[in-house]
Structures are given as structure tokens and as C-alpha cells.
Amino acid sequence: MIPGVSNRRRFSDLSEQEIIALAISSEEDDSRIYQSYAEMLRAEFPASAKIFDGMADEENEHRRRLIDLHTARFGNVIPLIRREHVSGFYARRPIWLVENLGIERIRDEAEMMERDAAAFYQRAAASTKDASTRKLLGDLAAAEQGHTELAGELTDSHLPEDEKDREDRVAHRQFILTWVQPGLAGLMDGSVSTLAPIFATAFATQDTWTTFLVGLAASVGAGISMGFTEAAHDDGVISGRGSPIKRGFASGIMTTVGGLGHALPYLITDFWTATTIAIIVVFVELWAIAWIQNRFMQTPFLRAAFQVVLGGALVFAAGVLIGGG
């Protein structure tokens, strides 16, 4: 299960006042992000920094218009509601994960931000019955779509690209969000969370068939749980992560595969042969996870390896100690 999901509200359950309040806080956050990007680029790419300055100013103007609308319709007290309070709402990547990845990565982040914001305003406009509110939200959706084109042209002078390249980037991002990200989460959960029950059973019974059955049950059960959780917690409409069914299958299947990797060796009848092969498989799984994080999620390899291998080693040790005791 994903911590905090049960405490979030669905977008469809928000009132019009809460939708406007959410838009206000989102515009404030985006303005601060653009200001940070501008400061990062100012020394080396002053022209691009000015573009981000302008985008930050426009986000502040959007916020001002939204506050004026809220004051006119609901008064001066704006409810405290932020992105993380809404299930399936798009999230922003922390600045420190982007700042060292160069102007191309910043450009991609800006495109994603504006695309997400435009989708939010389109859906928000469709959910309101007030004419003035619908008009403003529609205008803001159009403005964010214009920003998407501006962000896409941000580094053309430094990194010339044609339309085909841009389409490829969009398709690659969608592939990451729909398949790689939930699949990686599933692989990590299946590979790590099943270590303890499998190896605890192995060392407690030294019966390879029993160990295999426990591993099979743990892997399939975890796969079903992760698949349903991934599909249910985010419909993909606001977050842009794609079909919940596809993400559910990716997460569920990879969770099952991650667990079965070190359960299948216990089909071998000799206990120590099976255990040795299972340990080797675990080592390969953990390093594969670290490589995928580095390749697709831009996580520094050493950091990913340390986190995954350390976590896996602790769970493995817990299983061995419990089973051996």
C-alpha cells in the first residue's frame, strides 16, 4: 500500500471553492519553481533565465486572478489545500533532483509542468457551473498550453531539435510514467518484500518445496495487491500517468516477477544448491533495479545501488535470522 493515499481526497469530490484554492496554491508553487530555474540558468544561459522569469511572473498573475475570483465568490478566507492532499493529482519533482541535470532536463520539466497545469484547468473548467469561473479556468488552460510551446522552444538556440524529436520526448515520458515507473515500483516491492518470508521459511524448514510454495504465494499475493493499488489510487486523468489498467498490470506483473526470481530456485531439491542460486538471483535483481533507476529515473547509480542493496540486505538478514532462530 502507498502511505497517505487513504487520507487524500478525490478530485471529483472537491467543491468549486476547493478547486480554486488548489489552483491558487499550485500557481504559487510553480512560480517559485520557475524562479529557482531562472537563478540556476542566469550565469550560463541569461536569455533562458529571462524566459523563466517571465513565466514566473505570469504564474503570479494567474494566482492574482484566481485570488480575485475567490474573493468575489467566496470571500477572503482561502481553504488550505495543496497538490499532495488530492489523490492522483500531478506532483512536482523536487528542485534538487533537477538542478544538476542541465538545461535540457530543466526544459523537459517545464514542458511537463505546463502540460499538467493545462490538463488540470481543462478538467476544472468542465466541473464548474459558474460562467465567470469557467471562463477564467478556460483562459488559464489556454495560457498554460501556450507556455508548453514556449518551454519547448526554451533551448532551441543551444540544443536545436525538430518536431519529431519533440514527439519522441513526449512519447518517452509517457512510456516512463505508464510502464517504467509502476513496473520499477513493483519490481522493487516484489524483490525486497518477499525476501524475508522466503528465506525465513527456507532456513526454518530447509524444505525446498515448502519454501517454493511460500514464495509463490507471497509473490502472487503481492503482485495482486500492488496491481490493484496502482490502478485504484490514480486514474491518470490529472497526473497524466496514463491508463490505470496498464499501470496496474505493469506494477502487478513486475511485483510477481521480482518475488518469483528467488522463489523458483527452490524447485531444486537440494537445499544448499537452491539457496545459493536464490542468493545469486537476489544480487542480480537488486543491481538490475539500481540500473533501471539510473537509466530511466535519473537517480545517481551509486545512490540507487546503496539504497536498494542496503534495503535488500537488511530484509534478507531479517529473514535468515528469523528462520534460523
Protein backbone atom coordinates (compact mmCIF):
# COMPACT_ATOMS: atom_id res chain seq x y z
CA MET A 1 0.00 0.00 0.00
CA ILE A 2 1.10 3.58 -0.62
CA PRO A 3 1.34 5.70 2.56
CA GLY A 4 -1.04 8.63 2.69
CA VAL A 5 -3.29 7.56 -0.20
CA SER A 6 -6.20 6.76 2.10
CA ASN A 7 -6.01 10.30 3.56
CA ARG A 8 -6.28 12.03 0.19
CA ARG A 9 -9.46 13.29 -1.41
CA ARG A 10 -10.53 12.55 -4.94
CA PHE A 11 -10.60 15.46 -7.34
CA SER A 12 -14.23 14.72 -8.18
CA ASP A 13 -15.15 15.27 -4.51
CA LEU A 14 -13.74 18.81 -4.33
CA SER A 15 -16.08 21.77 -4.20
CA GLU A 16 -15.65 24.69 -6.61
CA GLN A 17 -14.11 26.74 -3.78
CA GLU A 18 -11.59 23.98 -3.07
CA ILE A 19 -10.72 23.65 -6.78
CA ILE A 20 -9.96 27.37 -6.94
CA ALA A 21 -7.94 27.15 -3.71
CA LEU A 22 -5.98 24.22 -5.17
CA ALA A 23 -5.29 26.23 -8.31
CA ILE A 24 -4.03 29.18 -6.22
CA SER A 25 -1.56 27.06 -4.26
CA SER A 26 -0.41 25.27 -7.43
CA GLU A 27 0.28 28.55 -9.24
CA GLU A 28 2.26 29.81 -6.25
CA ASP A 29 4.38 26.64 -6.21
CA ASP A 30 5.01 26.77 -9.97
CA SER A 31 6.05 30.41 -9.80
CA ARG A 32 8.64 29.60 -7.14
CA ILE A 33 9.94 26.65 -9.19
CA TYR A 34 10.37 28.86 -12.27
CA GLN A 35 12.17 31.46 -10.20
CA SER A 36 14.55 28.75 -8.98
CA TYR A 37 15.18 27.57 -12.54
CA ALA A 38 15.90 31.14 -13.60
CA GLU A 39 18.53 31.51 -10.88
CA MET A 40 20.17 28.22 -11.88
CA LEU A 41 20.46 29.32 -15.53
CA ARG A 42 21.23 33.02 -15.11
CA ALA A 43 25.02 32.78 -15.21
CA GLU A 44 25.36 30.44 -18.20
CA PHE A 45 22.10 30.98 -20.09
CA PRO A 46 20.86 34.51 -19.30
CA ALA A 47 18.33 34.55 -22.16
CA SER A 48 16.71 31.35 -20.94
CA ALA A 49 16.73 32.70 -17.38
CA LYS A 50 14.73 35.73 -18.58
CA ILE A 51 12.17 33.40 -20.14
CA PHE A 52 11.73 31.63 -16.81
CA ASP A 53 11.49 35.00 -15.06
CA GLY A 54 8.63 35.87 -17.40
CA MET A 55 6.93 32.51 -16.83
CA ALA A 56 7.21 33.01 -13.06
CA ASP A 57 5.66 36.47 -13.36
CA GLU A 58 2.79 35.09 -15.42
CA GLU A 59 2.14 32.33 -12.88
CA ASN A 60 1.94 35.06 -10.21
CA GLU A 61 -0.55 36.94 -12.40
CA HIS A 62 -2.63 33.74 -12.70
CA ARG A 63 -2.56 33.42 -8.93
CA ARG A 64 -3.72 37.02 -8.52
CA ARG A 65 -6.64 36.49 -10.91
CA LEU A 66 -7.64 33.32 -9.08
CA ILE A 67 -7.49 35.09 -5.70
CA ASP A 68 -9.68 37.90 -7.07
CA LEU A 69 -12.17 35.30 -8.29
CA HIS A 70 -12.17 33.53 -4.93
CA THR A 71 -12.67 36.80 -3.05
CA ALA A 72 -15.60 37.75 -5.28
CA ARG A 73 -17.34 34.38 -4.97
CA PHE A 74 -16.35 33.00 -1.56
CA GLY A 75 -14.70 35.74 0.48
CA ASN A 76 -11.19 36.37 1.76
CA VAL A 77 -10.55 33.08 3.59
CA ILE A 78 -8.93 30.61 1.17
CA PRO A 79 -9.02 26.92 2.22
CA LEU A 80 -5.64 25.31 2.72
CA ILE A 81 -5.44 22.59 0.07
CA ARG A 82 -2.37 21.54 -1.86
CA ARG A 83 -1.42 19.01 -4.52
CA GLU A 84 -0.43 16.35 -2.02
CA HIS A 85 -3.92 16.47 -0.48
CA VAL A 86 -5.62 15.25 -3.69
CA SER A 87 -5.47 11.65 -4.90
CA GLY A 88 -3.97 11.29 -8.36
CA PHE A 89 -3.06 14.96 -8.65
CA TYR A 90 0.14 15.75 -10.50
CA ALA A 91 3.27 16.22 -8.40
CA ARG A 92 6.34 18.37 -8.98
CA ARG A 93 9.83 16.91 -8.86
CA PRO A 94 11.96 18.47 -6.08
CA ILE A 95 14.31 21.17 -7.32
CA TRP A 96 17.40 19.38 -6.00
CA LEU A 97 16.69 16.40 -8.27
CA VAL A 98 16.75 18.62 -11.35
CA GLU A 99 19.32 21.33 -10.70
CA ASN A 100 22.37 19.27 -11.67
CA LEU A 101 20.88 17.66 -14.79
CA GLY A 102 21.39 20.52 -17.25
CA ILE A 103 19.25 22.84 -19.34
CA GLU A 104 17.69 20.06 -21.42
CA ARG A 105 16.32 18.38 -18.32
CA ILE A 106 15.03 21.70 -16.98
CA ARG A 107 13.32 22.31 -20.32
CA ASP A 108 11.65 18.88 -20.14
CA GLU A 109 10.48 19.59 -16.60
CA ALA A 110 9.00 22.94 -17.69
CA GLU A 111 7.13 21.29 -20.57
CA MET A 112 5.73 18.67 -18.20
CA MET A 113 4.68 21.29 -15.65
CA GLU A 114 2.74 23.33 -18.19
CA ARG A 115 1.13 20.25 -19.76
CA ASP A 116 -0.05 19.06 -16.35
CA ALA A 117 -1.36 22.51 -15.43
CA ALA A 118 -3.27 22.84 -18.71
CA ALA A 119 -4.93 19.44 -18.19
CA PHE A 120 -5.91 20.46 -14.65
CA TYR A 121 -7.54 23.71 -15.77
CA GLN A 122 -9.42 21.97 -18.57
CA ARG A 123 -10.87 19.45 -16.15
CA ALA A 124 -11.55 22.11 -13.52
CA ALA A 125 -13.39 24.27 -16.06
CA ALA A 126 -15.56 21.32 -17.06
CA SER A 127 -16.53 20.70 -13.42
CA THR A 128 -17.78 24.22 -12.59
CA LYS A 129 -21.22 25.64 -13.29
CA ASP A 130 -20.38 29.31 -12.73
CA ALA A 131 -19.86 31.15 -16.03
CA SER A 132 -17.16 33.54 -14.80
CA THR A 133 -15.22 30.74 -13.14
CA ARG A 134 -15.45 28.55 -16.24
CA LYS A 135 -14.20 31.42 -18.41
CA LEU A 136 -11.21 32.15 -16.20
CA LEU A 137 -10.21 28.49 -15.89
CA GLY A 138 -10.53 28.07 -19.65
CA ASP A 139 -8.37 31.13 -20.23
CA LEU A 140 -5.74 29.77 -17.84
CA ALA A 141 -5.77 26.40 -19.63
CA ALA A 142 -5.07 28.19 -22.92
CA ALA A 143 -2.30 30.22 -21.29
CA GLU A 144 -0.64 27.09 -19.90
CA GLN A 145 -0.80 25.45 -23.32
CA GLY A 146 0.96 28.50 -24.72
CA HIS A 147 3.62 28.07 -22.06
CA THR A 148 4.13 24.48 -23.20
CA GLU A 149 5.17 25.72 -26.64
CA LEU A 150 7.41 28.37 -25.07
CA ALA A 151 9.08 25.80 -22.80
CA GLY A 152 9.60 23.51 -25.76
CA GLU A 153 11.49 26.28 -27.57
CA LEU A 154 13.49 27.25 -24.47
CA THR A 155 16.83 25.80 -25.53
CA ASP A 156 16.46 25.69 -29.31
CA SER A 157 19.45 28.01 -29.64
CA HIS A 158 21.54 25.61 -27.57
CA LEU A 159 20.00 22.25 -28.49
CA PRO A 160 18.26 22.51 -31.89
CA GLU A 161 15.52 19.90 -32.34
CA ASP A 162 12.81 19.24 -34.92
CA GLU A 163 9.20 18.30 -34.28
CA LYS A 164 9.96 14.58 -34.49
CA ASP A 165 12.39 14.86 -31.58
CA ARG A 166 9.78 16.66 -29.50
CA GLU A 167 7.19 13.98 -30.20
CA ASP A 168 9.74 11.34 -29.25
CA ARG A 169 10.35 13.06 -25.92
CA VAL A 170 6.63 13.19 -25.17
CA ALA A 171 6.23 9.51 -26.07
CA HIS A 172 9.28 8.58 -23.99
CA ARG A 173 7.93 10.47 -20.97
CA GLN A 174 4.56 8.74 -21.31
CA PHE A 175 6.31 5.36 -21.54
CA ILE A 176 8.20 6.14 -18.33
CA LEU A 177 5.07 7.22 -16.44
CA THR A 178 2.80 4.42 -17.66
CA TRP A 179 5.15 1.43 -17.73
CA VAL A 180 8.60 2.02 -16.26
CA GLN A 181 7.70 3.87 -13.07
CA PRO A 182 4.94 1.48 -11.85
CA GLY A 183 6.91 -1.53 -13.12
CA LEU A 184 10.00 -0.42 -11.23
CA ALA A 185 7.96 0.12 -8.06
CA GLY A 186 6.55 -3.37 -8.46
CA LEU A 187 9.92 -4.94 -9.11
CA MET A 188 11.38 -3.27 -6.03
CA ASP A 189 8.46 -4.34 -3.85
CA GLY A 190 8.45 -7.91 -5.17
CA SER A 191 12.21 -8.35 -4.98
CA VAL A 192 12.64 -6.88 -1.50
CA SER A 193 9.41 -7.54 0.41
CA THR A 194 9.39 -11.29 -0.38
CA LEU A 195 12.97 -11.84 0.78
CA ALA A 196 12.06 -12.18 4.44
CA PRO A 197 9.23 -14.76 4.15
CA ILE A 198 11.06 -16.85 1.55
CA PHE A 199 14.40 -17.09 3.34
CA ALA A 200 12.79 -17.33 6.77
CA THR A 201 10.85 -20.36 5.54
CA ALA A 202 13.93 -21.77 3.84
CA PHE A 203 16.14 -21.67 6.93
CA ALA A 204 13.34 -22.65 9.30
CA THR A 205 12.27 -25.77 7.40
CA GLN A 206 15.14 -26.50 4.98
CA ASP A 207 12.35 -27.93 2.82
CA THR A 208 12.68 -26.65 -0.75
CA TRP A 209 9.11 -27.47 -1.82
CA THR A 210 7.56 -25.71 1.17
CA THR A 211 9.83 -22.74 0.56
CA PHE A 212 8.77 -22.61 -3.09
CA LEU A 213 5.08 -22.68 -2.17
CA VAL A 214 5.54 -19.85 0.34
CA GLY A 215 7.49 -17.86 -2.22
CA LEU A 216 4.86 -18.47 -4.90
CA ALA A 217 2.05 -17.41 -2.56
CA ALA A 218 3.93 -14.31 -1.39
CA SER A 219 4.82 -13.27 -4.95
CA VAL A 220 1.37 -13.75 -6.44
CA GLY A 221 -0.33 -12.14 -3.43
CA ALA A 222 1.99 -9.14 -3.51
CA GLY A 223 1.50 -8.82 -7.28
CA ILE A 224 -2.28 -8.74 -6.96
CA SER A 225 -2.10 -6.22 -4.11
CA MET A 226 0.34 -3.89 -5.87
CA GLY A 227 -1.57 -4.13 -9.16
CA PHE A 228 -4.89 -3.15 -7.60
CA THR A 229 -3.26 -0.41 -5.51
CA GLU A 230 -1.57 1.16 -8.52
CA ALA A 231 -4.74 1.03 -10.63
CA ALA A 232 -7.03 2.30 -7.88
CA HIS A 233 -5.06 5.18 -6.35
CA ASP A 234 -4.69 7.28 -9.53
CA ASP A 235 -6.96 7.33 -12.60
CA GLY A 236 -4.25 9.13 -14.59
CA VAL A 237 -6.52 11.96 -15.75
CA ILE A 238 -4.87 14.77 -13.80
CA SER A 239 -1.43 13.23 -13.23
CA GLY A 240 -1.03 12.31 -16.91
CA ARG A 241 0.37 8.90 -15.95
CA GLY A 242 -1.76 7.03 -18.45
CA SER A 243 -4.22 4.16 -18.20
CA PRO A 244 -4.63 2.83 -14.64
CA ILE A 245 -5.17 -0.65 -16.11
CA LYS A 246 -1.82 -0.57 -17.91
CA ARG A 247 -0.07 0.75 -14.82
CA GLY A 248 -1.78 -1.85 -12.66
CA PHE A 249 -0.65 -4.68 -14.92
CA ALA A 250 2.91 -3.29 -15.08
CA SER A 251 3.14 -3.00 -11.31
CA GLY A 252 1.43 -6.31 -10.54
CA ILE A 253 3.35 -8.39 -13.07
CA MET A 254 6.74 -6.95 -12.11
CA THR A 255 5.98 -7.45 -8.41
CA THR A 256 5.24 -11.12 -9.08
CA VAL A 257 8.34 -11.49 -11.25
CA GLY A 258 10.50 -9.88 -8.57
CA GLY A 259 9.32 -12.38 -5.97
CA LEU A 260 9.41 -15.44 -8.22
CA GLY A 261 13.01 -14.72 -9.19
CA HIS A 262 14.32 -16.04 -5.90
CA ALA A 263 11.45 -18.47 -5.28
CA LEU A 264 11.91 -20.56 -8.43
CA PRO A 265 15.39 -21.88 -7.44
CA TYR A 266 13.65 -23.81 -4.64
CA LEU A 267 12.21 -26.15 -7.24
CA ILE A 268 15.67 -27.71 -6.96
CA THR A 269 15.51 -30.43 -4.33
CA ASP A 270 18.96 -29.85 -2.82
CA PHE A 271 18.55 -27.12 -0.17
CA TRP A 272 22.00 -25.52 -0.32
CA THR A 273 22.14 -25.55 -4.13
CA ALA A 274 18.75 -23.90 -4.29
CA THR A 275 19.65 -21.34 -1.63
CA THR A 276 22.95 -20.45 -3.30
CA ILE A 277 21.23 -19.87 -6.64
CA ALA A 278 18.47 -17.86 -4.93
CA ILE A 279 21.04 -15.58 -3.29
CA ILE A 280 22.76 -15.02 -6.65
CA VAL A 281 19.39 -14.18 -8.20
CA VAL A 282 18.69 -11.69 -5.41
CA PHE A 283 22.03 -10.00 -6.05
CA VAL A 284 21.26 -9.73 -9.78
CA GLU A 285 17.75 -8.39 -9.07
CA LEU A 286 18.96 -5.66 -6.76
CA TRP A 287 21.64 -4.45 -9.16
CA ALA A 288 19.12 -4.55 -12.04
CA ILE A 289 16.81 -2.29 -10.00
CA ALA A 290 19.67 0.14 -9.37
CA TRP A 291 20.49 0.18 -13.11
CA ILE A 292 16.85 0.85 -14.07
CA GLN A 293 16.67 3.70 -11.56
CA ASN A 294 19.80 5.21 -13.02
CA ARG A 295 18.80 4.65 -16.65
CA PHE A 296 15.19 5.78 -16.61
CA MET A 297 14.69 7.78 -13.39
CA GLN A 298 17.99 9.74 -13.47
CA THR A 299 18.93 8.53 -9.99
CA PRO A 300 22.72 8.55 -9.49
CA PHE A 301 23.83 4.92 -9.79
CA LEU A 302 25.83 4.76 -6.57
CA ARG A 303 22.98 6.27 -4.57
CA ALA A 304 20.46 3.88 -6.14
CA ALA A 305 22.75 0.90 -5.54
CA PHE A 306 23.35 1.87 -1.93
CA GLN A 307 19.64 2.31 -1.19
CA VAL A 308 18.46 -0.85 -2.94
CA VAL A 309 21.30 -3.14 -1.89
CA LEU A 310 21.25 -1.91 1.71
CA GLY A 311 17.48 -2.30 1.96
CA GLY A 312 17.58 -5.74 0.36
CA ALA A 313 20.42 -6.86 2.59
CA LEU A 314 18.55 -5.80 5.74
CA VAL A 315 15.38 -7.65 4.70
CA PHE A 316 17.41 -10.72 3.69
CA ALA A 317 19.23 -10.70 7.02
CA ALA A 318 15.93 -10.38 8.88
CA GLY A 319 14.55 -13.41 7.06
CA VAL A 320 17.64 -15.51 7.72
CA LEU A 321 17.76 -14.54 11.41
CA ILE A 322 14.08 -15.23 11.96
CA GLY A 323 14.21 -18.51 10.09
CA GLY A 324 17.47 -19.63 11.63
CA GLY A 325 16.28 -18.77 15.12
